[in-house]
Amino acid sequence: FWNCKNIEYVNIPSVKTIGSSAFRWNNIKVINMPNVEKISNGAFNSNEIESLDLPKLTYLGNYAFNGNTLKSVNLPELKVINEGAFISCAQLETINIPKANEIGRQAFYGCYNLKEIYLPSVESGSKIDATAFEASGLTDIYVPFGEDKKYYAPWGATNATIHYNYTA
């Protein structure tokens, strides 16, 4: 379905995996995939999706939602966010990723309207790239560990304050 400009709505309630570049360069505004667990590289790159609610998604490939008009994202089971997954989603304001413990390079690069993020599953062994939040609008990052374990925090978000010992 690559570059099918007439597709605005995707309703696939039973699919568990979306392949690489499956819906790239379309005009998709709404997706309904309540059982999807994996979205591969570039699957929804350059669409017009404004909100995501994917309750079973655990894996998000490289540049999966790159260049979308996302404003809100709810991914309660997501554990892995790969490189550039939300790059250039400049309108993104809110994101719920309570189980994310692996965030790739420049995953949120260019998310200028994203002001705060809660990372309750990030631990000392978590893999968060040093540039995960580079060039984002983040001003506040909430993590459950103490300041003595800050590693690469704020992971490229140079204007962000890290709030340590956060509990939900």
Protein backbone atom coordinates (compact mmCIF):
# COMPACT_ATOMS: atom_id res chain seq x y z
CA PHE A 1 0.00 0.00 0.00
CA TRP A 2 3.02 2.24 -0.50
CA ASN A 3 2.12 5.71 -1.80
CA CYS A 4 -1.64 5.04 -2.11
CA LYS A 5 -2.83 8.60 -1.55
CA ASN A 6 -6.54 7.63 -1.31
CA ILE A 7 -6.11 5.57 1.87
CA GLU A 8 -7.20 7.59 4.91
CA TYR A 9 -8.40 4.87 7.29
CA VAL A 10 -6.82 1.50 8.13
CA ASN A 11 -8.93 -1.04 10.01
CA ILE A 12 -7.17 -4.36 10.57
CA PRO A 13 -8.42 -5.71 13.91
CA SER A 14 -6.80 -9.17 13.71
CA VAL A 15 -3.29 -8.46 12.37
CA LYS A 16 -0.33 -8.93 14.74
CA THR A 17 2.55 -7.64 12.56
CA ILE A 18 2.83 -4.78 10.05
CA GLY A 19 5.73 -5.16 7.61
CA SER A 20 8.36 -2.65 6.59
CA SER A 21 7.06 0.36 4.61
CA ALA A 22 3.59 -1.26 4.39
CA PHE A 23 1.67 2.04 4.53
CA ARG A 24 4.46 4.49 3.70
CA TRP A 25 3.68 7.83 2.03
CA ASN A 26 -0.11 7.78 2.21
CA ASN A 27 -2.71 10.16 3.62
CA ILE A 28 -3.74 7.89 6.48
CA LYS A 29 -5.42 9.79 9.30
CA VAL A 30 -6.79 6.94 11.46
CA ILE A 31 -5.60 3.42 12.19
CA ASN A 32 -7.45 0.73 14.12
CA MET A 33 -5.24 -2.24 14.93
CA PRO A 34 -6.08 -3.31 18.48
CA ASN A 35 -4.11 -6.57 18.28
CA VAL A 36 -0.94 -5.45 16.52
CA GLU A 37 2.21 -6.38 18.47
CA LYS A 38 4.97 -5.38 16.03
CA ILE A 39 5.27 -2.50 13.58
CA SER A 40 8.31 -2.80 11.32
CA ASN A 41 10.65 -0.18 9.87
CA GLY A 42 9.00 2.76 8.09
CA ALA A 43 5.56 1.11 8.18
CA PHE A 44 3.61 4.37 8.57
CA ASN A 45 6.32 6.82 7.51
CA SER A 46 4.97 10.17 6.19
CA ASN A 47 1.23 9.94 6.85
CA GLU A 48 -1.24 12.25 8.59
CA ILE A 49 -2.01 10.15 11.67
CA GLU A 50 -2.96 12.38 14.60
CA SER A 51 -3.34 9.88 17.43
CA LEU A 52 -2.25 6.35 18.23
CA ASP A 53 -3.80 3.90 20.65
CA LEU A 54 -2.23 0.49 20.15
CA PRO A 55 -2.84 -1.45 23.38
CA LYS A 56 -0.81 -4.59 22.50
CA LEU A 57 2.14 -3.11 20.61
CA THR A 58 5.48 -4.19 22.12
CA TYR A 59 7.93 -3.41 19.30
CA LEU A 60 8.28 -0.34 17.08
CA GLY A 61 10.78 -0.41 14.19
CA ASN A 62 13.08 2.27 12.82
CA TYR A 63 11.28 5.37 11.47
CA ALA A 64 7.89 3.64 11.90
CA PHE A 65 5.91 6.89 12.34
CA ASN A 66 8.48 9.33 10.97
CA GLY A 67 6.95 12.59 9.72
CA ASN A 68 3.38 12.12 10.95
CA THR A 69 1.08 14.76 12.43
CA LEU A 70 0.78 12.84 15.71
CA LYS A 71 -0.47 14.76 18.72
CA SER A 72 -1.06 11.95 21.22
CA VAL A 73 0.31 8.44 21.56
CA ASN A 74 -0.84 5.66 23.91
CA LEU A 75 1.31 2.53 23.75
CA PRO A 76 0.90 0.89 27.17
CA GLU A 77 2.76 -2.37 26.35
CA LEU A 78 5.53 -0.94 24.15
CA LYS A 79 8.98 -1.98 25.30
CA VAL A 80 11.22 -1.23 22.31
CA ILE A 81 11.26 2.07 20.38
CA ASN A 82 13.87 1.94 17.63
CA GLU A 83 15.87 4.62 15.85
CA GLY A 84 13.87 7.60 14.58
CA ALA A 85 10.51 5.97 15.38
CA PHE A 86 8.84 9.36 15.95
CA ILE A 87 11.39 11.59 14.25
CA SER A 88 9.89 14.82 12.85
CA CYS A 89 6.54 14.35 14.61
CA ALA A 90 6.69 18.05 15.48
CA GLN A 91 3.11 18.22 16.78
CA LEU A 92 3.46 15.36 19.29
CA GLU A 93 2.34 16.65 22.70
CA THR A 94 1.66 13.59 24.86
CA ILE A 95 2.97 10.05 24.92
CA ASN A 96 2.22 7.15 27.25
CA ILE A 97 4.94 4.48 27.14
CA PRO A 98 5.04 3.07 30.70
CA LYS A 99 6.90 -0.16 29.79
CA ALA A 100 9.48 1.29 27.39
CA ASN A 101 12.99 0.35 28.47
CA GLU A 102 14.80 0.53 25.13
CA ILE A 103 14.78 3.76 23.10
CA GLY A 104 16.91 4.12 20.00
CA ARG A 105 18.93 6.88 18.39
CA GLN A 106 16.98 10.10 17.75
CA ALA A 107 13.67 8.33 18.41
CA PHE A 108 12.02 11.66 19.28
CA TYR A 109 14.19 14.03 17.24
CA GLY A 110 12.17 17.05 16.11
CA CYS A 111 9.24 16.42 18.49
CA TYR A 112 9.19 20.09 19.42
CA ASN A 113 5.82 20.12 21.21
CA LEU A 114 6.67 17.18 23.48
CA LYS A 115 7.32 18.84 26.84
CA GLU A 116 7.39 15.95 29.33
CA ILE A 117 7.86 12.22 29.32
CA TYR A 118 7.45 9.61 32.04
CA LEU A 119 9.74 6.59 31.86
CA PRO A 120 8.75 4.40 34.84
CA SER A 121 10.36 1.22 33.39
CA VAL A 122 13.78 2.71 32.69
CA GLU A 123 16.39 1.07 34.89
CA SER A 124 20.16 0.99 35.12
CA GLY A 125 20.26 -1.77 32.47
CA SER A 126 17.92 -0.02 30.03
CA LYS A 127 19.21 0.83 26.58
CA ILE A 128 18.42 4.47 25.90
CA ASP A 129 20.58 6.04 23.25
CA ALA A 130 22.44 9.21 24.21
CA THR A 131 20.54 11.06 21.44
CA ALA A 132 17.06 9.55 21.97
CA PHE A 133 15.49 12.94 22.78
CA GLU A 134 17.85 15.20 20.84
CA ALA A 135 16.26 18.31 19.28
CA SER A 136 12.97 17.71 21.08
CA GLY A 137 10.99 20.17 23.13
CA LEU A 138 11.34 18.17 26.34
CA THR A 139 11.61 20.22 29.51
CA ASP A 140 10.85 17.43 32.01
CA ILE A 141 11.85 13.74 32.09
CA TYR A 142 10.63 11.52 34.94
CA VAL A 143 12.66 8.41 35.85
CA PRO A 144 12.43 5.91 38.74
CA PHE A 145 16.15 5.79 39.60
CA GLY A 146 18.34 8.07 41.66
CA GLU A 147 20.67 10.78 40.43
CA ASP A 148 23.66 8.52 41.08
CA LYS A 149 22.58 6.35 38.11
CA LYS A 150 21.97 9.05 35.54
CA TYR A 151 24.07 7.46 32.75
CA TYR A 152 23.37 9.52 29.61
CA ALA A 153 20.36 11.41 31.01
CA PRO A 154 18.89 13.64 29.62
CA TRP A 155 19.65 11.61 26.46
CA GLY A 156 20.09 14.62 24.20
CA ALA A 157 17.26 16.74 25.65
CA THR A 158 19.60 19.53 26.63
CA ASN A 159 16.88 21.79 28.11
CA ALA A 160 15.23 19.07 30.17
CA THR A 161 15.17 18.69 33.91
CA ILE A 162 15.49 15.10 35.10
CA HIS A 163 13.12 14.24 37.92
CA TYR A 164 14.77 11.33 39.76
CA ASN A 165 13.10 8.71 41.98
CA TYR A 166 9.74 9.18 40.23
CA THR A 167 7.01 6.70 41.16
CA ALA A 168 3.67 6.47 39.40
